[in-house]
N, C-alpha and C. Protein backbone atom coordinates (compact mmCIF):
# COMPACT_ATOMS: atom_id res chain seq x y z
N MET A 1 0.85 -1.19 0.00
CA MET A 1 0.00 0.00 0.00
C MET A 1 0.88 1.24 0.00
N SER A 2 0.49 2.21 -0.79
CA SER A 2 1.25 3.45 -0.82
C SER A 2 0.77 4.38 0.30
N ASN A 3 1.53 5.43 0.51
CA ASN A 3 1.20 6.38 1.55
C ASN A 3 -0.14 7.06 1.29
N ASP A 4 -0.43 7.37 0.02
CA ASP A 4 -1.71 8.00 -0.34
C ASP A 4 -2.88 7.10 0.02
N GLU A 5 -2.73 5.81 -0.24
CA GLU A 5 -3.80 4.87 0.10
C GLU A 5 -4.03 4.83 1.60
N LEU A 6 -2.95 4.85 2.35
CA LEU A 6 -3.07 4.83 3.81
C LEU A 6 -3.75 6.10 4.31
N GLU A 7 -3.41 7.25 3.72
CA GLU A 7 -4.05 8.50 4.13
C GLU A 7 -5.54 8.48 3.82
N ASN A 8 -5.90 7.98 2.62
CA ASN A 8 -7.31 7.88 2.26
C ASN A 8 -8.05 6.95 3.21
N TYR A 9 -7.43 5.82 3.53
CA TYR A 9 -8.06 4.86 4.44
C TYR A 9 -8.27 5.50 5.81
N GLY A 10 -7.27 6.23 6.28
CA GLY A 10 -7.38 6.88 7.59
C GLY A 10 -8.48 7.93 7.60
N ALA A 11 -8.60 8.71 6.54
CA ALA A 11 -9.63 9.74 6.47
C ALA A 11 -11.01 9.10 6.41
N THR A 12 -11.15 8.06 5.62
CA THR A 12 -12.44 7.37 5.51
C THR A 12 -12.83 6.75 6.84
N ARG A 13 -11.86 6.13 7.48
CA ARG A 13 -12.13 5.50 8.77
C ARG A 13 -12.52 6.54 9.82
N GLN A 14 -11.83 7.68 9.81
CA GLN A 14 -12.14 8.75 10.76
C GLN A 14 -13.56 9.25 10.56
N LYS A 15 -13.96 9.42 9.30
CA LYS A 15 -15.31 9.89 9.00
C LYS A 15 -16.34 8.87 9.48
N ARG A 16 -16.06 7.58 9.25
CA ARG A 16 -16.99 6.53 9.67
C ARG A 16 -17.11 6.50 11.19
N VAL A 17 -15.99 6.63 11.89
CA VAL A 17 -16.01 6.62 13.35
C VAL A 17 -16.83 7.79 13.88
N ARG A 18 -16.66 8.97 13.26
CA ARG A 18 -17.40 10.15 13.69
C ARG A 18 -18.90 9.97 13.47
N ILE A 19 -19.28 9.40 12.32
CA ILE A 19 -20.70 9.17 12.04
C ILE A 19 -21.29 8.18 13.03
N VAL A 20 -20.57 7.09 13.30
CA VAL A 20 -21.06 6.09 14.24
C VAL A 20 -21.22 6.70 15.63
N ALA A 21 -20.26 7.52 16.04
CA ALA A 21 -20.35 8.14 17.36
C ALA A 21 -21.59 9.03 17.47
N TRP A 22 -21.85 9.85 16.45
CA TRP A 22 -23.03 10.70 16.47
C TRP A 22 -24.31 9.88 16.49
N VAL A 23 -24.36 8.81 15.72
CA VAL A 23 -25.55 7.96 15.70
C VAL A 23 -25.80 7.36 17.07
N VAL A 24 -24.73 6.91 17.73
CA VAL A 24 -24.87 6.33 19.06
C VAL A 24 -25.37 7.37 20.05
N ILE A 25 -24.80 8.57 20.01
CA ILE A 25 -25.23 9.63 20.93
C ILE A 25 -26.70 9.98 20.72
N ILE A 26 -27.09 10.14 19.46
CA ILE A 26 -28.49 10.48 19.16
C ILE A 26 -29.42 9.35 19.59
N ALA A 27 -29.01 8.10 19.34
CA ALA A 27 -29.84 6.96 19.75
C ALA A 27 -30.02 6.94 21.27
N LEU A 28 -28.96 7.22 22.00
CA LEU A 28 -29.07 7.24 23.46
C LEU A 28 -30.00 8.36 23.92
N LEU A 29 -29.89 9.53 23.30
CA LEU A 29 -30.76 10.64 23.68
C LEU A 29 -32.22 10.30 23.40
N VAL A 30 -32.48 9.70 22.24
CA VAL A 30 -33.86 9.38 21.85
C VAL A 30 -34.45 8.31 22.76
N THR A 31 -33.65 7.33 23.15
CA THR A 31 -34.18 6.22 23.94
C THR A 31 -34.20 6.51 25.44
N GLY A 32 -33.80 7.68 25.86
CA GLY A 32 -33.90 8.04 27.27
C GLY A 32 -32.62 7.86 28.05
N GLY A 33 -31.56 7.41 27.40
CA GLY A 33 -30.28 7.30 28.10
C GLY A 33 -29.51 8.61 28.06
N GLY A 34 -30.17 9.65 27.57
CA GLY A 34 -29.51 10.93 27.38
C GLY A 34 -29.03 11.57 28.67
N ALA A 35 -29.79 11.39 29.75
CA ALA A 35 -29.41 12.00 31.03
C ALA A 35 -28.06 11.46 31.48
N THR A 36 -27.87 10.16 31.32
CA THR A 36 -26.61 9.54 31.72
C THR A 36 -25.47 10.04 30.84
N VAL A 37 -25.71 10.12 29.53
CA VAL A 37 -24.67 10.58 28.61
C VAL A 37 -24.30 12.03 28.93
N LEU A 38 -25.30 12.89 29.11
CA LEU A 38 -25.01 14.30 29.39
C LEU A 38 -24.31 14.45 30.73
N ALA A 39 -24.66 13.64 31.72
CA ALA A 39 -23.99 13.68 33.01
C ALA A 39 -22.52 13.29 32.87
N LEU A 40 -22.25 12.29 32.02
CA LEU A 40 -20.86 11.87 31.81
C LEU A 40 -20.07 12.95 31.07
N ILE A 41 -20.70 13.57 30.06
CA ILE A 41 -19.99 14.57 29.26
C ILE A 41 -19.73 15.84 30.06
N PHE A 42 -20.75 16.33 30.75
CA PHE A 42 -20.63 17.63 31.42
C PHE A 42 -20.32 17.51 32.90
N GLY A 43 -20.14 16.30 33.37
CA GLY A 43 -19.78 16.11 34.77
C GLY A 43 -20.94 16.34 35.69
């Protein structure tokens, strides 16, 4: 694999991780686990 391919893979993976994280956060907020998540984030 060339360096360009590795950079593209890293950027794609980063985008996917970010999307999954947002989906999980939104799902927790919608299902009522939001209080726990917000307590963890904001202390």
